[in-house]
C-alpha atoms as a PDB file:
ATOM      1  CA  MET A   1     -12.991   7.312 -24.796  1.00  0.00           C
ATOM      2  CA  GLY A   2     -11.679   4.255 -26.177  1.00  0.00           C
ATOM      3  CA  GLN A   3     -10.811   0.550 -25.869  1.00  0.00           C
ATOM      4  CA  LEU A   4      -8.741   0.620 -23.028  1.00  0.00           C
ATOM      5  CA  TYR A   5     -10.356   0.788 -19.606  1.00  0.00           C
ATOM      6  CA  PHE A   6      -8.034   2.023 -16.989  1.00  0.00           C
ATOM      7  CA  ARG A   7      -8.913   3.409 -13.579  1.00  0.00           C
ATOM      8  CA  GLN A   8      -6.572   4.334 -10.731  1.00  0.00           C
ATOM      9  CA  LEU A   9      -8.651   4.010  -7.104  1.00  0.00           C
ATOM     10  CA  LEU A  10      -7.068   5.581  -3.913  1.00  0.00           C
ATOM     11  CA  ALA A  11      -7.804   3.550  -0.720  1.00  0.00           C
ATOM     12  CA  GLY A  12      -9.895   5.842   1.954  1.00  0.00           C
ATOM     13  CA  ARG A  13     -10.752   8.269  -0.544  1.00  0.00           C
ATOM     14  CA  ASP A  14     -12.430   6.378  -3.591  1.00  0.00           C
ATOM     15  CA  PHE A  15     -13.261   3.423  -1.386  1.00  0.00           C
ATOM     16  CA  ALA A  16     -12.446   1.906   1.946  1.00  0.00           C
ATOM     17  CA  GLN A  17     -13.222   5.385   3.554  1.00  0.00           C
ATOM     18  CA  ALA A  18     -14.629   3.223   6.802  1.00  0.00           C
ATOM     19  CA  THR A  19     -11.353   1.744   7.059  1.00  0.00           C
ATOM     20  CA  PRO A  20      -9.299   4.138   8.853  1.00  0.00           C
ATOM     21  CA  TYR A  21      -5.695   2.815   8.198  1.00  0.00           C
ATOM     22  CA  ALA A  22      -6.519   2.766   4.333  1.00  0.00           C
ATOM     23  CA  ALA A  23      -6.353   6.208   4.156  1.00  0.00           C
ATOM     24  CA  GLN A  24      -2.946   6.073   6.142  1.00  0.00           C
ATOM     25  CA  MET A  25      -1.446   3.899   3.843  1.00  0.00           C
ATOM     26  CA  GLN A  26      -2.292   5.916   0.823  1.00  0.00           C
ATOM     27  CA  ASN A  27      -2.829   2.522  -1.322  1.00  0.00           C
ATOM     28  CA  PHE A  28      -3.287   2.912  -5.013  1.00  0.00           C
ATOM     29  CA  VAL A  29      -5.620   0.047  -6.553  1.00  0.00           C
ATOM     30  CA  TYR A  30      -5.878  -0.520 -10.231  1.00  0.00           C
ATOM     31  CA  LEU A  31      -8.528  -1.335 -12.820  1.00  0.00           C
ATOM     32  CA  VAL A  32      -7.456  -1.755 -16.438  1.00  0.00           C
ATOM     33  CA  GLY A  33      -9.466  -3.678 -18.841  1.00  0.00           C
ATOM     34  CA  ASP A  34     -11.151  -3.898 -22.515  1.00  0.00           C
ATOM     35  CA  ARG A  35     -14.488  -1.938 -22.612  1.00  0.00           C
ATOM     36  CA  GLU A  36     -15.621  -3.712 -25.594  1.00  0.00           C
ATOM     37  CA  THR A  37     -15.163  -7.022 -24.008  1.00  0.00           C
ATOM     38  CA  GLY A  38     -16.254  -5.831 -20.620  1.00  0.00           C
ATOM     39  CA  GLU A  39     -13.468  -7.432 -18.992  1.00  0.00           C
ATOM     40  CA  ALA A  40     -10.847  -6.132 -16.291  1.00  0.00           C
ATOM     41  CA  LEU A  41      -8.299  -7.214 -14.462  1.00  0.00           C
ATOM     42  CA  VAL A  42      -7.408  -5.658 -10.367  1.00  0.00           C
ATOM     43  CA  VAL A  43      -3.973  -4.816  -9.825  1.00  0.00           C
ATOM     44  CA  ASP A  44      -3.685  -5.549  -5.898  1.00  0.00           C
ATOM     45  CA  PRO A  45      -6.843  -5.410  -4.624  1.00  0.00           C
ATOM     46  CA  ALA A  46      -6.549  -4.504  -1.019  1.00  0.00           C
ATOM     47  CA  TRP A  47      -8.379  -2.565   2.025  1.00  0.00           C
ATOM     48  CA  ALA A  48     -12.032  -2.972   0.612  1.00  0.00           C
ATOM     49  CA  VAL A  49     -12.620  -5.462  -1.897  1.00  0.00           C
ATOM     50  CA  ARG A  50     -16.260  -5.757  -2.721  1.00  0.00           C
ATOM     51  CA  GLU A  51     -16.101  -1.860  -2.912  1.00  0.00           C
ATOM     52  CA  ILE A  52     -13.217  -2.359  -5.526  1.00  0.00           C
ATOM     53  CA  VAL A  53     -15.695  -4.818  -7.553  1.00  0.00           C
ATOM     54  CA  ALA A  54     -18.673  -2.533  -7.374  1.00  0.00           C
ATOM     55  CA  VAL A  55     -16.738   0.328  -9.035  1.00  0.00           C
ATOM     56  CA  ALA A  56     -16.048  -2.308 -11.785  1.00  0.00           C
ATOM     57  CA  GLU A  57     -19.628  -3.524 -11.745  1.00  0.00           C
ATOM     58  CA  ALA A  58     -20.781   0.236 -11.822  1.00  0.00           C
ATOM     59  CA  ASP A  59     -18.599   0.798 -15.106  1.00  0.00           C
ATOM     60  CA  GLY A  60     -20.023  -2.120 -16.916  1.00  0.00           C
ATOM     61  CA  MET A  61     -16.835  -4.590 -16.234  1.00  0.00           C
ATOM     62  CA  ARG A  62     -16.423  -7.672 -14.793  1.00  0.00           C
ATOM     63  CA  ILE A  63     -13.266  -8.657 -12.787  1.00  0.00           C
ATOM     64  CA  ALA A  64     -11.696 -11.553 -14.910  1.00  0.00           C
ATOM     65  CA  GLY A  65      -8.218 -11.846 -13.003  1.00  0.00           C
ATOM     66  CA  ALA A  66      -5.871  -9.951 -10.719  1.00  0.00           C
ATOM     67  CA  LEU A  67      -2.813  -8.890 -11.010  1.00  0.00           C
ATOM     68  CA  CYS A  68       0.042  -8.821  -7.807  1.00  0.00           C
ATOM     69  CA  THR A  69       2.836  -6.328  -7.939  1.00  0.00           C
ATOM     70  CA  HIS A  70       4.201  -7.884  -4.780  1.00  0.00           C
ATOM     71  CA  TYR A  71       3.216  -9.949  -1.355  1.00  0.00           C
ATOM     72  CA  HIS A  72       2.834  -7.314   0.999  1.00  0.00           C
ATOM     73  CA  ALA A  73      -0.355  -7.118   2.748  1.00  0.00           C
ATOM     74  CA  ASP A  74      -1.321  -3.629   1.902  1.00  0.00           C
ATOM     75  CA  HIS A  75      -1.585  -4.704  -1.481  1.00  0.00           C
ATOM     76  CA  ILE A  76      -3.117  -8.132  -1.496  1.00  0.00           C
ATOM     77  CA  GLY A  77      -4.773  -8.493   2.048  1.00  0.00           C
ATOM     78  CA  GLY A  78      -3.423 -10.347   5.081  1.00  0.00           C
ATOM     79  CA  THR A  79      -2.486  -9.518   8.507  1.00  0.00           C
ATOM     80  CA  VAL A  80       0.625  -6.849   9.661  1.00  0.00           C
ATOM     81  CA  PHE A  81       0.919  -5.256  13.132  1.00  0.00           C
ATOM     82  CA  GLY A  82      -1.752  -7.058  14.106  1.00  0.00           C
ATOM     83  CA  ILE A  83      -4.292  -5.096  11.678  1.00  0.00           C
ATOM     84  CA  HIS A  84      -6.204  -7.380   8.872  1.00  0.00           C
ATOM     85  CA  ILE A  85      -6.461  -5.988   5.405  1.00  0.00           C
ATOM     86  CA  ASP A  86      -8.894  -7.263   3.169  1.00  0.00           C
ATOM     87  CA  GLY A  87      -8.085  -8.353  -0.002  1.00  0.00           C
ATOM     88  CA  LEU A  88      -7.422 -11.262  -2.592  1.00  0.00           C
ATOM     89  CA  SER A  89      -9.308 -14.180  -0.263  1.00  0.00           C
ATOM     90  CA  THR A  90     -12.503 -12.050  -0.368  1.00  0.00           C
ATOM     91  CA  LEU A  91     -12.017 -11.463  -4.177  1.00  0.00           C
ATOM     92  CA  MET A  92     -11.947 -15.188  -4.677  1.00  0.00           C
ATOM     93  CA  GLU A  93     -15.186 -15.142  -2.928  1.00  0.00           C
ATOM     94  CA  VAL A  94     -16.981 -12.525  -4.605  1.00  0.00           C
ATOM     95  CA  ALA A  95     -15.364 -12.650  -8.156  1.00  0.00           C
ATOM     96  CA  PRO A  96     -13.539 -15.827  -8.472  1.00  0.00           C
ATOM     97  CA  CYS A  97     -10.806 -15.503 -10.974  1.00  0.00           C
ATOM     98  CA  PRO A  98      -7.078 -16.245 -11.581  1.00  0.00           C
ATOM     99  CA  VAL A  99      -4.107 -14.243  -9.662  1.00  0.00           C
ATOM    100  CA  HIS A 100      -1.143 -13.773 -11.498  1.00  0.00           C
ATOM    101  CA  VAL A 101       2.311 -13.239 -10.007  1.00  0.00           C
ATOM    102  CA  HIS A 102       6.022 -13.658 -10.395  1.00  0.00           C
ATOM    103  CA  ARG A 103       7.629 -17.208  -9.425  1.00  0.00           C
ATOM    104  CA  LEU A 104       9.536 -15.768  -7.035  1.00  0.00           C
ATOM    105  CA  GLU A 105       6.358 -14.255  -5.206  1.00  0.00           C
ATOM    106  CA  ALA A 106       4.268 -16.682  -5.153  1.00  0.00           C
ATOM    107  CA  ASP A 107       5.024 -18.466  -1.659  1.00  0.00           C
ATOM    108  CA  GLY A 108       4.706 -15.067  -0.350  1.00  0.00           C
ATOM    109  CA  VAL A 109       1.285 -14.578  -1.824  1.00  0.00           C
ATOM    110  CA  ARG A 110       0.236 -17.986  -0.859  1.00  0.00           C
ATOM    111  CA  GLN A 111       1.604 -17.433   2.912  1.00  0.00           C
ATOM    112  CA  VAL A 112       0.047 -13.789   3.514  1.00  0.00           C
ATOM    113  CA  THR A 113      -3.329 -14.411   1.881  1.00  0.00           C
ATOM    114  CA  GLY A 114      -4.005 -18.022   2.174  1.00  0.00           C
ATOM    115  CA  LEU A 115      -4.657 -18.956  -1.350  1.00  0.00           C
ATOM    116  CA  SER A 116      -3.922 -22.094  -2.947  1.00  0.00           C
ATOM    117  CA  THR A 117      -1.302 -22.796  -5.485  1.00  0.00           C
ATOM    118  CA  THR A 118      -3.811 -23.509  -8.073  1.00  0.00           C
ATOM    119  CA  ASP A 119      -5.674 -20.016  -7.403  1.00  0.00           C
ATOM    120  CA  LEU A 120      -2.172 -18.789  -9.142  1.00  0.00           C
ATOM    121  CA  VAL A 121      -0.893 -18.220 -12.257  1.00  0.00           C
ATOM    122  CA  ILE A 122       2.968 -18.233 -12.040  1.00  0.00           C
ATOM    123  CA  HIS A 123       4.844 -15.751 -14.560  1.00  0.00           C
ATOM    124  CA  ASP A 124       8.351 -14.565 -15.996  1.00  0.00           C
ATOM    125  CA  SER A 125       9.342 -11.713 -16.584  1.00  0.00           C
ATOM    126  CA  GLY A 126       8.498 -10.433 -20.263  1.00  0.00           C
ATOM    127  CA  ASP A 127       5.011 -12.515 -19.954  1.00  0.00           C
ATOM    128  CA  VAL A 128       1.979 -10.890 -21.587  1.00  0.00           C
ATOM    129  CA  VAL A 129      -1.401 -11.320 -19.802  1.00  0.00           C
ATOM    130  CA  GLN A 130      -4.410 -10.603 -22.201  1.00  0.00           C
ATOM    131  CA  VAL A 131      -7.356  -9.056 -21.139  1.00  0.00           C
ATOM    132  CA  GLY A 132      -9.882  -8.858 -23.880  1.00  0.00           C
ATOM    133  CA  ASP A 133      -7.987  -7.825 -26.573  1.00  0.00           C
ATOM    134  CA  ILE A 134      -5.607  -5.551 -24.041  1.00  0.00           C
ATOM    135  CA  PRO A 135      -2.096  -6.751 -23.799  1.00  0.00           C
ATOM    136  CA  ILE A 136      -0.130  -5.982 -20.312  1.00  0.00           C
ATOM    137  CA  GLU A 137       3.443  -7.141 -20.053  1.00  0.00           C
ATOM    138  CA  LEU A 138       4.647  -8.174 -16.930  1.00  0.00           C
ATOM    139  CA  LEU A 139       8.241  -6.694 -15.941  1.00  0.00           C
ATOM    140  CA  HIS A 140      10.373  -8.188 -13.296  1.00  0.00           C
ATOM    141  CA  THR A 141      11.867  -5.338 -10.976  1.00  0.00           C
ATOM    142  CA  PRO A 142      12.946  -7.012  -7.881  1.00  0.00           C
ATOM    143  CA  GLY A 143      14.709  -4.806  -4.973  1.00  0.00           C
ATOM    144  CA  HIS A 144      11.528  -4.363  -2.771  1.00  0.00           C
ATOM    145  CA  THR A 145      10.722  -7.961  -2.858  1.00  0.00           C
ATOM    146  CA  PRO A 146      12.330 -11.154  -4.868  1.00  0.00           C
ATOM    147  CA  GLY A 147       9.281 -11.468  -7.071  1.00  0.00           C
ATOM    148  CA  SER A 148       7.950  -7.761  -7.552  1.00  0.00           C
ATOM    149  CA  LEU A 149       6.527  -6.784 -10.658  1.00  0.00           C
ATOM    150  CA  CYS A 150       5.169  -4.086 -12.826  1.00  0.00           C
ATOM    151  CA  PHE A 151       2.927  -3.719 -15.251  1.00  0.00           C
ATOM    152  CA  ARG A 152       3.085  -1.996 -18.748  1.00  0.00           C
ATOM    153  CA  CYS A 153       0.234  -1.422 -20.811  1.00  0.00           C
ATOM    154  CA  GLY A 154       0.453   0.830 -23.867  1.00  0.00           C
ATOM    155  CA  ALA A 155       2.452   3.779 -22.508  1.00  0.00           C
ATOM    156  CA  SER A 156       1.334   3.506 -19.180  1.00  0.00           C
ATOM    157  CA  LEU A 157       3.084   1.608 -16.225  1.00  0.00           C
ATOM    158  CA  VAL A 158       1.889   0.438 -12.803  1.00  0.00           C
ATOM    159  CA  ALA A 159       4.827   0.385 -10.602  1.00  0.00           C
ATOM    160  CA  GLY A 160       3.964  -1.209  -7.478  1.00  0.00           C
ATOM    161  CA  ASP A 161       6.191  -0.365  -4.629  1.00  0.00           C
ATOM    162  CA  THR A 162       9.202  -0.228  -6.927  1.00  0.00           C
ATOM    163  CA  LEU A 163       9.059   3.451  -8.156  1.00  0.00           C
ATOM    164  CA  PHE A 164       7.023   6.502  -6.773  1.00  0.00           C
ATOM    165  CA  LEU A 165       7.152  10.247  -7.954  1.00  0.00           C
ATOM    166  CA  GLN A 166       9.074  10.458  -4.952  1.00  0.00           C
ATOM    167  CA  GLY A 167      11.648   7.754  -3.753  1.00  0.00           C
ATOM    168  CA  CYS A 168      11.374   4.117  -4.397  1.00  0.00           C
ATOM    169  CA  GLY A 169      10.241   1.008  -2.072  1.00  0.00           C
ATOM    170  CA  ARG A 170      12.050   0.270   1.102  1.00  0.00           C
ATOM    171  CA  VAL A 171      14.863  -2.081   0.680  1.00  0.00           C
ATOM    172  CA  ASP A 172      15.205  -2.916   4.468  1.00  0.00           C
ATOM    173  CA  LEU A 173      12.320  -5.280   4.568  1.00  0.00           C
ATOM    174  CA  PRO A 174      12.917  -8.987   4.931  1.00  0.00           C
ATOM    175  CA  GLY A 175      13.295 -10.307   1.243  1.00  0.00           C
ATOM    176  CA  ALA A 176      14.080  -7.012  -0.028  1.00  0.00           C
ATOM    177  CA  ASN A 177      17.824  -6.445  -2.067  1.00  0.00           C
ATOM    178  CA  PRO A 178      19.595  -3.124  -2.414  1.00  0.00           C
ATOM    179  CA  ASP A 179      21.194  -3.936  -5.730  1.00  0.00           C
ATOM    180  CA  ASP A 180      18.477  -5.532  -7.136  1.00  0.00           C
ATOM    181  CA  MET A 181      16.411  -2.269  -6.675  1.00  0.00           C
ATOM    182  CA  PHE A 182      19.136  -0.258  -8.391  1.00  0.00           C
ATOM    183  CA  ARG A 183      19.122  -2.458 -11.541  1.00  0.00           C
ATOM    184  CA  SER A 184      15.292  -2.163 -11.320  1.00  0.00           C
ATOM    185  CA  LEU A 185      15.290   1.556 -11.337  1.00  0.00           C
ATOM    186  CA  GLN A 186      17.515   1.399 -14.127  1.00  0.00           C
ATOM    187  CA  LYS A 187      15.309  -0.825 -16.218  1.00  0.00           C
ATOM    188  CA  LEU A 188      12.486   1.741 -15.673  1.00  0.00           C
ATOM    189  CA  ARG A 189      14.866   4.535 -16.061  1.00  0.00           C
ATOM    190  CA  SER A 190      15.346   3.393 -19.666  1.00  0.00           C
ATOM    191  CA  LEU A 191      11.918   3.186 -20.580  1.00  0.00           C
ATOM    192  CA  PRO A 192      10.302   5.674 -23.038  1.00  0.00           C
ATOM    193  CA  PRO A 193      10.643   9.135 -21.207  1.00  0.00           C
ATOM    194  CA  GLU A 194       6.868   9.503 -22.261  1.00  0.00           C
ATOM    195  CA  THR A 195       5.721   6.258 -20.425  1.00  0.00           C
ATOM    196  CA  VAL A 196       3.161   7.408 -17.554  1.00  0.00           C
ATOM    197  CA  LEU A 197       4.042   6.295 -13.738  1.00  0.00           C
ATOM    198  CA  TYR A 198       1.065   5.105 -11.811  1.00  0.00           C
ATOM    199  CA  PRO A 199       2.755   4.116  -8.410  1.00  0.00           C
ATOM    200  CA  GLY A 200       1.532   2.117  -5.727  1.00  0.00           C
ATOM    201  CA  HIS A 201       0.967   4.795  -3.317  1.00  0.00           C
ATOM    202  CA  ASP A 202       0.500   8.206  -3.192  1.00  0.00           C
ATOM    203  CA  TYR A 203       3.800   9.509  -2.483  1.00  0.00           C
ATOM    204  CA  GLY A 204       4.657  12.774  -4.337  1.00  0.00           C
ATOM    205  CA  GLY A 205       1.361  12.453  -6.341  1.00  0.00           C
ATOM    206  CA  PRO A 206      -0.976  10.012  -8.866  1.00  0.00           C
ATOM    207  CA  HIS A 207       1.238   9.968 -12.008  1.00  0.00           C
ATOM    208  CA  ALA A 208       3.659  11.284 -14.115  1.00  0.00           C
ATOM    209  CA  GLU A 209       5.598  11.057 -17.125  1.00  0.00           C
ATOM    210  CA  LEU A 210       9.270   9.248 -16.406  1.00  0.00           C
ATOM    211  CA  ARG A 211      10.876  12.290 -18.168  1.00  0.00           C
ATOM    212  CA  ASP A 212       9.447  14.199 -15.186  1.00  0.00           C
ATOM    213  CA  VAL A 213       9.873  11.394 -12.255  1.00  0.00           C
ATOM    214  CA  ALA A 214      13.779  11.258 -13.650  1.00  0.00           C
ATOM    215  CA  ALA A 215      14.164  15.171 -13.299  1.00  0.00           C
ATOM    216  CA  HIS A 216      12.772  15.351  -9.732  1.00  0.00           C
ATOM    217  CA  ASN A 217      12.945  11.837  -7.844  1.00  0.00           C
ATOM    218  CA  ASP A 218      16.774  11.373  -6.423  1.00  0.00           C
ATOM    219  CA  TYR A 219      16.855   7.818  -6.738  1.00  0.00           C
ATOM    220  CA  LEU A 220      16.706   7.637 -10.421  1.00  0.00           C
ATOM    221  CA  LYS A 221      19.637  10.283 -10.766  1.00  0.00           C
ATOM    222  CA  ILE A 222      22.225   7.844  -8.982  1.00  0.00           C
ATOM    223  CA  PRO A 223      25.171   7.104 -11.576  1.00  0.00           C
ATOM    224  CA  ASP A 224      26.227   3.628 -10.578  1.00  0.00           C
ATOM    225  CA  LEU A 225      25.768   0.972  -8.033  1.00  0.00           C
ATOM    226  CA  ALA A 226      29.036   1.790  -5.981  1.00  0.00           C
ATOM    227  CA  THR A 227      27.414   5.260  -5.292  1.00  0.00           C
ATOM    228  CA  TRP A 228      23.920   3.453  -4.373  1.00  0.00           C
ATOM    229  CA  ARG A 229      25.544   0.954  -2.130  1.00  0.00           C
ATOM    230  CA  ARG A 230      27.336   4.341  -0.174  1.00  0.00           C
ATOM    231  CA  LEU A 231      24.281   5.889  -0.146  1.00  0.00           C
ATOM    232  CA  MET A 232      21.906   3.002   0.970  1.00  0.00           C
ATOM    233  CA  GLY A 233      24.731   2.010   3.664  1.00  0.00           C
ATOM    234  CA  THR A 234      25.762  -1.386   2.256  1.00  0.00           C
END
């Protein structure tokens, strides 16, 4: 089984089955940890946080921290279109822990979730967060939001809403930047082709090697920024 603990959970299927919007949004939540120490980090806890914590506990793991890919409510909790989504505020009640965010995303996380400055650990690109003896590298991939992060753990890449098996994150929302998204996609495209992509939503599938994503995802085939801008209408 190995030392690395890695679980991919689909909202509306693996948890939050009683929450109608969870299945529609198709969010993935991840648990990444060290089996030897029993510590795990939860990536983008939302929709039914107590159930996510229960999954970790059933596996003999304790939540020791949270990683946020970005500040949108469907990933960390909050209210959107009048819908309240369970998230980080509940995690701080049931399993208080540090919440790791990029410095450009910190204000958004606080505004959406109500967390305080002391709840957050601020990071830059290239920082490494340890869970037990498992290192997780933080990659800054702006575009969908200013402080979007991807998390690289061994041969796995948890990409949030930066890159899906089909398509990429929207660049027409407040805080989005099409040029930044192009550069972020190029950064991910340059990772080893055997890297396994784990996206933030089930858009096209749960996971695939980057070599396969690059072969079938048209957004990774755009050759230069000028072409990208024409296609994005910018």
